[in-house]
Structure formats: structure tokens, C-alpha cells
Amino acid sequence: VPADANGDIAACLATDVGEALARLSIESAETLKLAHSREFD
């Protein structure tokens, strides 16, 4: 373990991210609230 590995990790499932990307690909801009933000962490 690097002694300076002090950052937090928000690990997630690849299946969940795949589902999120599918929604980003097909949903309307209004549904996705793209006018509010186009960046999805």
C-alpha cells in the first residue's frame, strides 16, 4: 500500500455505469436535464 495513497475511491459496478451510459445515449435532453449540466460524475 503506497504510504501516500490518501485519496478516497467511489468504486462502482460496471453494469451500473453501462446502464447510465445507455440512458445518456437515448434519453431526451429535457429528461437528462442537460440544460442544467452536461457533466455526469
Full PDB file with SEQRES, HELIX, SHEET, SSBOND, CRYST1, ORIGX, SCALE, CONECT and MASTER records, all heavy atoms in Angstrom:
SEQRES   1 A   41  VAL PRO ALA ASP ALA ASN GLY ASP ILE ALA ALA CYS LEU          
SEQRES   2 A   41  ALA THR ASP VAL GLY GLU ALA LEU ALA ARG LEU SER ILE          
SEQRES   3 A   41  GLU SER ALA GLU THR LEU LYS LEU ALA HIS SER ARG GLU          
SEQRES   4 A   41  PHE ASP                                                      
HELIX    1 AA1 ALA A   14  ILE A   26  1                                  13    
HELIX    2 AA2 ALA A   29  LEU A   32  1                                   4    
CRYST1    1.000    1.000    1.000  90.00  90.00  90.00 P 1           1          
ORIGX1      1.000000  0.000000  0.000000        0.00000                         
ORIGX2      0.000000  1.000000  0.000000        0.00000                         
ORIGX3      0.000000  0.000000  1.000000        0.00000                         
SCALE1      1.000000  0.000000  0.000000        0.00000                         
SCALE2      0.000000  1.000000  0.000000        0.00000                         
SCALE3      0.000000  0.000000  1.000000        0.00000                         
ATOM      1  N   VAL A   1       0.859  -1.181   0.000  1.00  0.00           N  
ATOM      2  CA  VAL A   1       0.000   0.000   0.000  1.00  0.00           C  
ATOM      3  C   VAL A   1       0.899   1.236   0.000  1.00  0.00           C  
ATOM      4  O   VAL A   1       1.672   1.430   0.946  1.00  0.00           O  
ATOM      5  CB  VAL A   1      -0.920   0.036   1.236  1.00  0.00           C  
ATOM      6  CG1 VAL A   1      -1.765   1.308   1.230  1.00  0.00           C  
ATOM      7  CG2 VAL A   1      -1.811  -1.190   1.289  1.00  0.00           C  
ATOM      8  N   PRO A   2       0.861   2.069  -1.033  1.00  0.00           N  
ATOM      9  CA  PRO A   2       1.655   3.301  -1.006  1.00  0.00           C  
ATOM     10  C   PRO A   2       1.286   4.152   0.204  1.00  0.00           C  
ATOM     11  O   PRO A   2       0.101   4.363   0.493  1.00  0.00           O  
ATOM     12  CB  PRO A   2       1.274   4.001  -2.315  1.00  0.00           C  
ATOM     13  CG  PRO A   2       0.781   2.901  -3.211  1.00  0.00           C  
ATOM     14  CD  PRO A   2       0.125   1.913  -2.302  1.00  0.00           C  
ATOM     15  N   ALA A   3       2.295   4.636   0.914  1.00  0.00           N  
ATOM     16  CA  ALA A   3       2.041   5.405   2.138  1.00  0.00           C  
ATOM     17  C   ALA A   3       1.282   6.691   1.859  1.00  0.00           C  
ATOM     18  O   ALA A   3       0.622   7.238   2.753  1.00  0.00           O  
ATOM     19  CB  ALA A   3       3.363   5.708   2.834  1.00  0.00           C  
ATOM     20  N   ASP A   4       1.370   7.198   0.626  1.00  0.00           N  
ATOM     21  CA  ASP A   4       0.680   8.445   0.287  1.00  0.00           C  
ATOM     22  C   ASP A   4      -0.626   8.194  -0.469  1.00  0.00           C  
ATOM     23  O   ASP A   4      -1.176   9.118  -1.084  1.00  0.00           O  
ATOM     24  CB  ASP A   4       1.591   9.362  -0.526  1.00  0.00           C  
ATOM     25  CG  ASP A   4       2.169   8.689  -1.759  1.00  0.00           C  
ATOM     26  OD1 ASP A   4       1.915   7.494  -1.962  1.00  0.00           O  
ATOM     27  OD2 ASP A   4       2.899   9.366  -2.520  1.00  0.00           O  
ATOM     28  N   ALA A   5      -1.147   6.965  -0.428  1.00  0.00           N  
ATOM     29  CA  ALA A   5      -2.432   6.665  -1.071  1.00  0.00           C  
ATOM     30  C   ALA A   5      -3.563   7.100  -0.146  1.00  0.00           C  
ATOM     31  O   ALA A   5      -4.260   6.277   0.463  1.00  0.00           O  
ATOM     32  CB  ALA A   5      -2.531   5.175  -1.392  1.00  0.00           C  
ATOM     33  N   ASN A   6      -3.730   8.426  -0.042  1.00  0.00           N  
ATOM     34  CA  ASN A   6      -4.665   9.003   0.921  1.00  0.00           C  
ATOM     35  C   ASN A   6      -5.988   9.445   0.303  1.00  0.00           C  
ATOM     36  O   ASN A   6      -6.814  10.052   0.977  1.00  0.00           O  
ATOM     37  CB  ASN A   6      -4.010  10.202   1.611  1.00  0.00           C  
ATOM     38  CG  ASN A   6      -2.790   9.796   2.414  1.00  0.00           C  
ATOM     39  OD1 ASN A   6      -2.802   8.777   3.098  1.00  0.00           O  
ATOM     40  ND2 ASN A   6      -1.723  10.587   2.324  1.00  0.00           N  
ATOM     41  N   GLY A   7      -6.177   9.164  -0.972  1.00  0.00           N  
ATOM     42  CA  GLY A   7      -7.408   9.584  -1.622  1.00  0.00           C  
ATOM     43  C   GLY A   7      -8.538   8.590  -1.426  1.00  0.00           C  
ATOM     44  O   GLY A   7      -8.315   7.395  -1.258  1.00  0.00           O  
ATOM     45  N   ASP A   8      -9.766   9.093  -1.433  1.00  0.00           N  
ATOM     46  CA  ASP A   8     -10.946   8.235  -1.368  1.00  0.00           C  
ATOM     47  C   ASP A   8     -11.324   7.753  -2.759  1.00  0.00           C  
ATOM     48  O   ASP A   8     -11.116   8.455  -3.761  1.00  0.00           O  
ATOM     49  CB  ASP A   8     -12.130   8.991  -0.763  1.00  0.00           C  
ATOM     50  CG  ASP A   8     -11.976   9.200   0.733  1.00  0.00           C  
ATOM     51  OD1 ASP A   8     -11.240   8.415   1.369  1.00  0.00           O  
ATOM     52  OD2 ASP A   8     -12.585  10.144   1.269  1.00  0.00           O  
ATOM     53  N   ILE A   9     -11.878   6.562  -2.815  1.00  0.00           N  
ATOM     54  CA  ILE A   9     -12.316   5.947  -4.065  1.00  0.00           C  
ATOM     55  C   ILE A   9     -13.810   5.672  -3.969  1.00  0.00           C  
ATOM     56  O   ILE A   9     -14.275   5.075  -2.995  1.00  0.00           O  
ATOM     57  CB  ILE A   9     -11.572   4.623  -4.316  1.00  0.00           C  
ATOM     58  CG1 ILE A   9     -10.063   4.837  -4.378  1.00  0.00           C  
ATOM     59  CG2 ILE A   9     -12.069   3.956  -5.602  1.00  0.00           C  
ATOM     60  CD1 ILE A   9      -9.264   3.550  -4.315  1.00  0.00           C  
ATOM     61  N   ALA A  10     -14.566   6.096  -4.966  1.00  0.00           N  
ATOM     62  CA  ALA A  10     -16.016   5.843  -5.004  1.00  0.00           C  
ATOM     63  C   ALA A  10     -16.293   4.702  -5.977  1.00  0.00           C  
ATOM     64  O   ALA A  10     -16.944   4.886  -7.014  1.00  0.00           O  
ATOM     65  CB  ALA A  10     -16.770   7.108  -5.404  1.00  0.00           C  
ATOM     66  N   ALA A  11     -15.783   3.528  -5.667  1.00  0.00           N  
ATOM     67  CA  ALA A  11     -15.894   2.391  -6.580  1.00  0.00           C  
ATOM     68  C   ALA A  11     -17.352   2.070  -6.886  1.00  0.00           C  
ATOM     69  O   ALA A  11     -18.227   2.183  -6.030  1.00  0.00           O  
ATOM     70  CB  ALA A  11     -15.201   1.172  -5.971  1.00  0.00           C  
ATOM     71  N   CYS A  12     -17.603   1.674  -8.143  1.00  0.00           N  
ATOM     72  CA  CYS A  12     -18.967   1.348  -8.554  1.00  0.00           C  
ATOM     73  C   CYS A  12     -18.938   0.179  -9.526  1.00  0.00           C  
ATOM     74  O   CYS A  12     -17.879  -0.239 -10.004  1.00  0.00           O  
ATOM     75  CB  CYS A  12     -19.664   2.561  -9.168  1.00  0.00           C  
ATOM     76  SG  CYS A  12     -18.757   3.353 -10.514  1.00  0.00           S  
ATOM     77  N   LEU A  13     -20.105  -0.349  -9.812  1.00  0.00           N  
ATOM     78  CA  LEU A  13     -20.231  -1.521 -10.666  1.00  0.00           C  
ATOM     79  C   LEU A  13     -20.264  -1.114 -12.136  1.00  0.00           C  
ATOM     80  O   LEU A  13     -20.962  -0.162 -12.519  1.00  0.00           O  
ATOM     81  CB  LEU A  13     -21.508  -2.286 -10.330  1.00  0.00           C  
ATOM     82  CG  LEU A  13     -21.605  -2.848  -8.911  1.00  0.00           C  
ATOM     83  CD1 LEU A  13     -22.986  -3.458  -8.680  1.00  0.00           C  
ATOM     84  CD2 LEU A  13     -20.521  -3.890  -8.667  1.00  0.00           C  
ATOM     85  N   ALA A  14     -19.545  -1.853 -12.973  1.00  0.00           N  
ATOM     86  CA  ALA A  14     -19.530  -1.564 -14.404  1.00  0.00           C  
ATOM     87  C   ALA A  14     -20.917  -1.730 -15.020  1.00  0.00           C  
ATOM     88  O   ALA A  14     -21.265  -1.016 -15.966  1.00  0.00           O  
ATOM     89  CB  ALA A  14     -18.532  -2.477 -15.100  1.00  0.00           C  
ATOM     90  N   THR A  15     -21.716  -2.645 -14.482  1.00  0.00           N  
ATOM     91  CA  THR A  15     -23.076  -2.811 -15.005  1.00  0.00           C  
ATOM     92  C   THR A  15     -23.910  -1.557 -14.765  1.00  0.00           C  
ATOM     93  O   THR A  15     -24.708  -1.154 -15.629  1.00  0.00           O  
ATOM     94  CB  THR A  15     -23.753  -4.019 -14.344  1.00  0.00           C  
ATOM     95  OG1 THR A  15     -23.594  -3.932 -12.915  1.00  0.00           O  
ATOM     96  CG2 THR A  15     -23.151  -5.319 -14.834  1.00  0.00           C  
ATOM     97  N   ASP A  16     -23.736  -0.914 -13.602  1.00  0.00           N  
ATOM     98  CA  ASP A  16     -24.464   0.325 -13.321  1.00  0.00           C  
ATOM     99  C   ASP A  16     -24.033   1.442 -14.255  1.00  0.00           C  
ATOM    100  O   ASP A  16     -24.867   2.215 -14.760  1.00  0.00           O  
ATOM    101  CB  ASP A  16     -24.250   0.748 -11.867  1.00  0.00           C  
ATOM    102  CG  ASP A  16     -25.089  -0.051 -10.881  1.00  0.00           C  
ATOM    103  OD1 ASP A  16     -25.996  -0.787 -11.331  1.00  0.00           O  
ATOM    104  OD2 ASP A  16     -24.835   0.044  -9.665  1.00  0.00           O  
ATOM    105  N   VAL A  17     -22.737   1.553 -14.485  1.00  0.00           N  
ATOM    106  CA  VAL A  17     -22.236   2.597 -15.385  1.00  0.00           C  
ATOM    107  C   VAL A  17     -22.703   2.337 -16.814  1.00  0.00           C  
ATOM    108  O   VAL A  17     -23.077   3.269 -17.537  1.00  0.00           O  
ATOM    109  CB  VAL A  17     -20.703   2.690 -15.305  1.00  0.00           C  
ATOM    110  CG1 VAL A  17     -20.147   3.577 -16.416  1.00  0.00           C  
ATOM    111  CG2 VAL A  17     -20.285   3.239 -13.940  1.00  0.00           C  
ATOM    112  N   GLY A  18     -22.729   1.077 -17.230  1.00  0.00           N  
ATOM    113  CA  GLY A  18     -23.255   0.763 -18.557  1.00  0.00           C  
ATOM    114  C   GLY A  18     -24.704   1.185 -18.705  1.00  0.00           C  
ATOM    115  O   GLY A  18     -25.109   1.741 -19.735  1.00  0.00           O  
ATOM    116  N   GLU A  19     -25.504   0.966 -17.665  1.00  0.00           N  
ATOM    117  CA  GLU A  19     -26.912   1.383 -17.688  1.00  0.00           C  
ATOM    118  C   GLU A  19     -27.031   2.903 -17.755  1.00  0.00           C  
ATOM    119  O   GLU A  19     -27.870   3.442 -18.483  1.00  0.00           O  
ATOM    120  CB  GLU A  19     -27.609   0.846 -16.444  1.00  0.00           C  
ATOM    121  CG  GLU A  19     -29.102   1.089 -16.395  1.00  0.00           C  
ATOM    122  CD  GLU A  19     -29.752   0.497 -15.163  1.00  0.00           C  
ATOM    123  OE1 GLU A  19     -29.202  -0.478 -14.604  1.00  0.00           O  
ATOM    124  OE2 GLU A  19     -30.806   1.030 -14.740  1.00  0.00           O  
ATOM    125  N   ALA A  20     -26.170   3.612 -17.000  1.00  0.00           N  
ATOM    126  CA  ALA A  20     -26.195   5.075 -17.020  1.00  0.00           C  
ATOM    127  C   ALA A  20     -25.813   5.606 -18.398  1.00  0.00           C  
ATOM    128  O   ALA A  20     -26.431   6.563 -18.904  1.00  0.00           O  
ATOM    129  CB  ALA A  20     -25.250   5.615 -15.959  1.00  0.00           C  
ATOM    130  N   LEU A  21     -24.819   5.009 -19.029  1.00  0.00           N  
ATOM    131  CA  LEU A  21     -24.402   5.448 -20.366  1.00  0.00           C  
ATOM    132  C   LEU A  21     -25.499   5.198 -21.392  1.00  0.00           C  
ATOM    133  O   LEU A  21     -25.684   5.997 -22.324  1.00  0.00           O  
ATOM    134  CB  LEU A  21     -23.124   4.726 -20.777  1.00  0.00           C  
ATOM    135  CG  LEU A  21     -21.872   5.086 -19.980  1.00  0.00           C  
ATOM    136  CD1 LEU A  21     -20.704   4.195 -20.384  1.00  0.00           C  
ATOM    137  CD2 LEU A  21     -21.499   6.553 -20.167  1.00  0.00           C  
ATOM    138  N   ALA A  22     -26.219   4.102 -21.230  1.00  0.00           N  
ATOM    139  CA  ALA A  22     -27.339   3.831 -22.140  1.00  0.00           C  
ATOM    140  C   ALA A  22     -28.390   4.923 -22.039  1.00  0.00           C  
ATOM    141  O   ALA A  22     -28.921   5.398 -23.055  1.00  0.00           O  
ATOM    142  CB  ALA A  22     -27.942   2.460 -21.821  1.00  0.00           C  
ATOM    143  N   ARG A  23     -28.698   5.356 -20.824  1.00  0.00           N  
ATOM    144  CA  ARG A  23     -29.675   6.428 -20.643  1.00  0.00           C  
ATOM    145  C   ARG A  23     -29.173   7.734 -21.254  1.00  0.00           C  
ATOM    146  O   ARG A  23     -29.933   8.467 -21.891  1.00  0.00           O  
ATOM    147  CB  ARG A  23     -29.972   6.633 -19.160  1.00  0.00           C  
ATOM    148  CG  ARG A  23     -30.920   5.609 -18.566  1.00  0.00           C  
ATOM    149  CD  ARG A  23     -31.676   6.214 -17.403  1.00  0.00           C  
ATOM    150  NE  ARG A  23     -32.483   7.355 -17.807  1.00  0.00           N  
ATOM    151  CZ  ARG A  23     -32.919   8.307 -16.975  1.00  0.00           C  
ATOM    152  NH1 ARG A  23     -32.611   8.238 -15.686  1.00  0.00           N  
ATOM    153  NH2 ARG A  23     -33.656   9.302 -17.397  1.00  0.00           N  
ATOM    154  N   LEU A  24     -27.901   8.035 -21.039  1.00  0.00           N  
ATOM    155  CA  LEU A  24     -27.341   9.252 -21.619  1.00  0.00           C  
ATOM    156  C   LEU A  24     -27.428   9.227 -23.144  1.00  0.00           C  
ATOM    157  O   LEU A  24     -27.542  10.276 -23.780  1.00  0.00           O  
ATOM    158  CB  LEU A  24     -25.883   9.429 -21.196  1.00  0.00           C  
ATOM    159  CG  LEU A  24     -25.636   9.904 -19.768  1.00  0.00           C  
ATOM    160  CD1 LEU A  24     -24.150   9.849 -19.438  1.00  0.00           C  
ATOM    161  CD2 LEU A  24     -26.153  11.332 -19.579  1.00  0.00           C  
ATOM    162  N   SER A  25     -27.386   8.044 -23.716  1.00  0.00           N  
ATOM    163  CA  SER A  25     -27.377   7.914 -25.172  1.00  0.00           C  
ATOM    164  C   SER A  25     -28.765   8.078 -25.791  1.00  0.00           C  
ATOM    165  O   SER A  25     -28.870   8.521 -26.947  1.00  0.00           O  
ATOM    166  CB  SER A  25     -26.813   6.551 -25.574  1.00  0.00           C  
ATOM    167  OG  SER A  25     -25.487   6.391 -25.118  1.00  0.00           O  
ATOM    168  N   ILE A  26     -29.811   7.734 -25.063  1.00  0.00           N  
ATOM    169  CA  ILE A  26     -31.123   7.683 -25.713  1.00  0.00           C  
ATOM    170  C   ILE A  26     -32.160   8.624 -25.120  1.00  0.00           C  
ATOM    171  O   ILE A  26     -33.158   8.920 -25.772  1.00  0.00           O  
ATOM    172  CB  ILE A  26     -31.690   6.249 -25.701  1.00  0.00           C  
ATOM    173  CG1 ILE A  26     -32.061   5.821 -24.284  1.00  0.00           C  
ATOM    174  CG2 ILE A  26     -30.721   5.263 -26.330  1.00  0.00           C  
ATOM    175  CD1 ILE A  26     -32.863   4.532 -24.235  1.00  0.00           C  
ATOM    176  N   GLU A  27     -31.948   9.104 -23.889  1.00  0.00           N  
ATOM    177  CA  GLU A  27     -32.965   9.951 -23.268  1.00  0.00           C  
ATOM    178  C   GLU A  27     -32.935  11.358 -23.849  1.00  0.00           C  
ATOM    179  O   GLU A  27     -31.907  11.841 -24.325  1.00  0.00           O  
ATOM    180  CB  GLU A  27     -32.756  10.014 -21.758  1.00  0.00           C  
ATOM    181  CG  GLU A  27     -32.974   8.692 -21.038  1.00  0.00           C  
ATOM    182  CD  GLU A  27     -34.445   8.355 -20.893  1.00  0.00           C  
ATOM    183  OE1 GLU A  27     -35.288   9.161 -21.291  1.00  0.00           O  
ATOM    184  OE2 GLU A  27     -34.741   7.262 -20.363  1.00  0.00           O  
ATOM    185  N   SER A  28     -34.061  12.043 -23.740  1.00  0.00           N  
ATOM    186  CA  SER A  28     -34.146  13.420 -24.239  1.00  0.00           C  
ATOM    187  C   SER A  28     -33.320  14.353 -23.364  1.00  0.00           C  
ATOM    188  O   SER A  28     -33.036  14.063 -22.196  1.00  0.00           O  
ATOM    189  CB  SER A  28     -35.602  13.898 -24.242  1.00  0.00           C  
ATOM    190  OG  SER A  28     -36.075  14.048 -22.911  1.00  0.00           O  
ATOM    191  N   ALA A  29     -32.928  15.483 -23.947  1.00  0.00           N  
ATOM    192  CA  ALA A  29     -32.149  16.468 -23.199  1.00  0.00           C  
ATOM    193  C   ALA A  29     -32.921  16.975 -21.992  1.00  0.00           C  
ATOM    194  O   ALA A  29     -32.335  17.250 -20.941  1.00  0.00           O  
ATOM    195  CB  ALA A  29     -31.763  17.631 -24.119  1.00  0.00           C  
ATOM    196  N   GLU A  30     -34.235  17.097 -22.130  1.00  0.00           N  
ATOM    197  CA  GLU A  30     -35.048  17.579 -21.023  1.00  0.00           C  
ATOM    198  C   GLU A  30     -35.050  16.574 -19.868  1.00  0.00           C  
ATOM    199  O   GLU A  30     -34.915  16.946 -18.703  1.00  0.00           O  
ATOM    200  CB  GLU A  30     -36.484  17.839 -21.489  1.00  0.00           C  
ATOM    201  CG  GLU A  30     -36.623  18.998 -22.470  1.00  0.00           C  
ATOM    202  CD  GLU A  30     -36.192  18.655 -23.879  1.00  0.00           C  
ATOM    203  OE1 GLU A  30     -36.007  17.455 -24.173  1.00  0.00           O  
ATOM    204  OE2 GLU A  30     -36.020  19.580 -24.683  1.00  0.00           O  
ATOM    205  N   THR A  31     -35.196  15.303 -20.198  1.00  0.00           N  
ATOM    206  CA  THR A  31     -35.205  14.271 -19.167  1.00  0.00           C  
ATOM    207  C   THR A  31     -33.868  14.222 -18.439  1.00  0.00           C  
ATOM    208  O   THR A  31     -33.805  14.056 -17.213  1.00  0.00           O  
ATOM    209  CB  THR A  31     -35.503  12.901 -19.784  1.00  0.00           C  
ATOM    210  OG1 THR A  31     -36.772  12.957 -20.437  1.00  0.00           O  
ATOM    211  CG2 THR A  31     -35.518  11.818 -18.726  1.00  0.00           C  
ATOM    212  N   LEU A  32     -32.794  14.379 -19.193  1.00  0.00           N  
ATOM    213  CA  LEU A  32     -31.456  14.311 -18.604  1.00  0.00           C  
ATOM    214  C   LEU A  32     -31.028  15.621 -17.944  1.00  0.00           C  
ATOM    215  O   LEU A  32     -29.970  15.683 -17.326  1.00  0.00           O  
ATOM    216  CB  LEU A  32     -30.428  13.954 -19.683  1.00  0.00           C  
ATOM    217  CG  LEU A  32     -30.556  12.560 -20.278  1.00  0.00           C  
ATOM    218  CD1 LEU A  32     -29.662  12.424 -21.507  1.00  0.00           C  
ATOM    219  CD2 LEU A  32     -30.215  11.499 -19.255  1.00  0.00           C  
ATOM    220  N   LYS A  33     -31.840  16.660 -18.095  1.00  0.00           N  
ATOM    221  CA  LYS A  33     -31.532  17.972 -17.523  1.00  0.00           C  
ATOM    222  C   LYS A  33     -30.190  18.493 -18.029  1.00  0.00           C  
ATOM    223  O   LYS A  33     -29.383  19.037 -17.272  1.00  0.00           O  
ATOM    224  CB  LYS A  33     -31.522  17.902 -15.987  1.00  0.00           C  
ATOM    225  CG  LYS A  33     -32.828  17.401 -15.381  1.00  0.00           C  
ATOM    226  CD  LYS A  33     -32.731  17.255 -13.873  1.00  0.00           C  
ATOM    227  CE  LYS A  33     -34.011  16.682 -13.300  1.00  0.00           C  
ATOM    228  NZ  LYS A  33     -33.929  16.441 -11.843  1.00  0.00           N  
ATOM    229  N   LEU A  34     -29.974  18.344 -19.345  1.00  0.00           N  
ATOM    230  CA  LEU A  34     -28.704  18.786 -19.916  1.00  0.00           C  
ATOM    231  C   LEU A  34     -28.559  20.301 -19.865  1.00  0.00           C  
ATOM    232  O   LEU A  34     -27.439  20.814 -19.871  1.00  0.00           O  
ATOM    233  CB  LEU A  34     -28.581  18.296 -21.364  1.00  0.00           C  
ATOM    234  CG  LEU A  34     -28.399  16.788 -21.545  1.00  0.00           C  
ATOM    235  CD1 LEU A  34     -28.221  16.436 -23.010  1.00  0.00           C  
ATOM    236  CD2 LEU A  34     -27.222  16.274 -20.744  1.00  0.00           C  
ATOM    237  N   ALA A  35     -29.684  21.003 -19.815  1.00  0.00           N  
ATOM    238  CA  ALA A  35     -29.584  22.461 -19.698  1.00  0.00           C  
ATOM    239  C   ALA A  35     -28.951  22.848 -18.363  1.00  0.00           C  
ATOM    240  O   ALA A  35     -28.315  23.889 -18.237  1.00  0.00           O  
ATOM    241  CB  ALA A  35     -30.962  23.093 -19.835  1.00  0.00           C  
ATOM    242  N   HIS A  36     -29.134  21.975 -17.363  1.00  0.00           N  
ATOM    243  CA  HIS A  36     -28.562  22.237 -16.047  1.00  0.00           C  
ATOM    244  C   HIS A  36     -27.082  21.890 -16.011  1.00  0.00           C  
ATOM    245  O   HIS A  36     -26.249  22.668 -15.546  1.00  0.00           O  
ATOM    246  CB  HIS A  36     -29.314  21.433 -14.987  1.00  0.00           C  
ATOM    247  CG  HIS A  36     -28.713  21.504 -13.626  1.00  0.00           C  
ATOM    248  ND1 HIS A  36     -28.659  22.676 -12.904  1.00  0.00           N  
ATOM    249  CD2 HIS A  36     -28.114  20.557 -12.855  1.00  0.00           C  
ATOM    250  CE1 HIS A  36     -28.063  22.450 -11.749  1.00  0.00           C  
ATOM    251  NE2 HIS A  36     -27.719  21.175 -11.694  1.00  0.00           N  
ATOM    252  N   SER A  37     -26.729  20.712 -16.502  1.00  0.00           N  
ATOM    253  CA  SER A  37     -25.328  20.294 -16.524  1.00  0.00           C  
ATOM    254  C   SER A  37     -25.158  19.152 -17.509  1.00  0.00           C  
ATOM    255  O   SER A  37     -25.960  18.216 -17.541  1.00  0.00           O  
ATOM    256  CB  SER A  37     -24.862  19.849 -15.143  1.00  0.00           C  
ATOM    257  OG  SER A  37     -23.556  19.307 -15.211  1.00  0.00           O  
ATOM    258  N   ARG A  38     -24.116  19.240 -18.298  1.00  0.00           N  
ATOM    259  CA  ARG A  38     -23.797  18.184 -19.262  1.00  0.00           C  
ATOM    260  C   ARG A  38     -22.699  17.267 -18.755  1.00  0.00           C  
ATOM    261  O   ARG A  38     -22.218  16.414 -19.487  1.00  0.00           O  
ATOM    262  CB  ARG A  38     -23.395  18.811 -20.606  1.00  0.00           C  
ATOM    263  CG  ARG A  38     -24.537  19.541 -21.276  1.00  0.00           C  
ATOM    264  CD  ARG A  38     -24.126  20.178 -22.599  1.00  0.00           C  
ATOM    265  NE  ARG A  38     -25.283  20.764 -23.246  1.00  0.00           N  
ATOM    266  CZ  ARG A  38     -26.098  20.106 -24.073  1.00  0.00           C  
ATOM    267  NH1 ARG A  38     -25.854  18.843 -24.368  1.00  0.00           N  
ATOM    268  NH2 ARG A  38     -27.138  20.694 -24.611  1.00  0.00           N  
ATOM    269  N   GLU A  39     -22.283  17.449 -17.524  1.00  0.00           N  
ATOM    270  CA  GLU A  39     -21.204  16.659 -16.948  1.00  0.00           C  
ATOM    271  C   GLU A  39     -21.773  15.736 -15.870  1.00  0.00           C  
ATOM    272  O   GLU A  39     -22.464  16.189 -14.958  1.00  0.00           O  
ATOM    273  CB  GLU A  39     -20.125  17.570 -16.372  1.00  0.00           C  
ATOM    274  CG  GLU A  39     -19.537  18.510 -17.426  1.00  0.00           C  
ATOM    275  CD  GLU A  39     -18.601  19.536 -16.834  1.00  0.00           C  
ATOM    276  OE1 GLU A  39     -18.074  19.302 -15.732  1.00  0.00           O  
ATOM    277  OE2 GLU A  39     -18.387  20.577 -17.475  1.00  0.00           O  
ATOM    278  N   PHE A  40     -21.469  14.448 -15.985  1.00  0.00           N  
ATOM    279  CA  PHE A  40     -22.056  13.437 -15.119  1.00  0.00           C  
ATOM    280  C   PHE A  40     -20.950  12.661 -14.404  1.00  0.00           C  
ATOM    281  O   PHE A  40     -20.333  11.767 -14.992  1.00  0.00           O  
ATOM    282  CB  PHE A  40     -22.931  12.480 -15.938  1.00  0.00           C  
ATOM    283  CG  PHE A  40     -24.173  13.120 -16.506  1.00  0.00           C  
ATOM    284  CD1 PHE A  40     -24.105  13.928 -17.632  1.00  0.00           C  
ATOM    285  CD2 PHE A  40     -25.404  12.929 -15.902  1.00  0.00           C  
ATOM    286  CE1 PHE A  40     -25.244  14.521 -18.156  1.00  0.00           C  
ATOM    287  CE2 PHE A  40     -26.551  13.522 -16.415  1.00  0.00           C  
ATOM    288  CZ  PHE A  40     -26.466  14.329 -17.538  1.00  0.00           C  
ATOM    289  N   ASP A  41     -20.680  13.050 -13.163  1.00  0.00           N  
ATOM    290  CA  ASP A  41     -19.764  12.281 -12.325  1.00  0.00           C  
ATOM    291  C   ASP A  41     -20.506  11.043 -11.819  1.00  0.00           C  
ATOM    292  O   ASP A  41     -21.630  11.144 -11.299  1.00  0.00           O  
ATOM    293  CB  ASP A  41     -19.285  13.109 -11.138  1.00  0.00           C  
ATOM    294  CG  ASP A  41     -18.318  14.203 -11.539  1.00  0.00           C  
ATOM    295  OD1 ASP A  41     -18.061  14.364 -12.750  1.00  0.00           O  
ATOM    296  OD2 ASP A  41     -17.820  14.907 -10.637  1.00  0.00           O  
TER     297      ASP A  41                                                      
MASTER        0    0    0    2    0    0    0    6  296    1    0    4          
END                                                                             
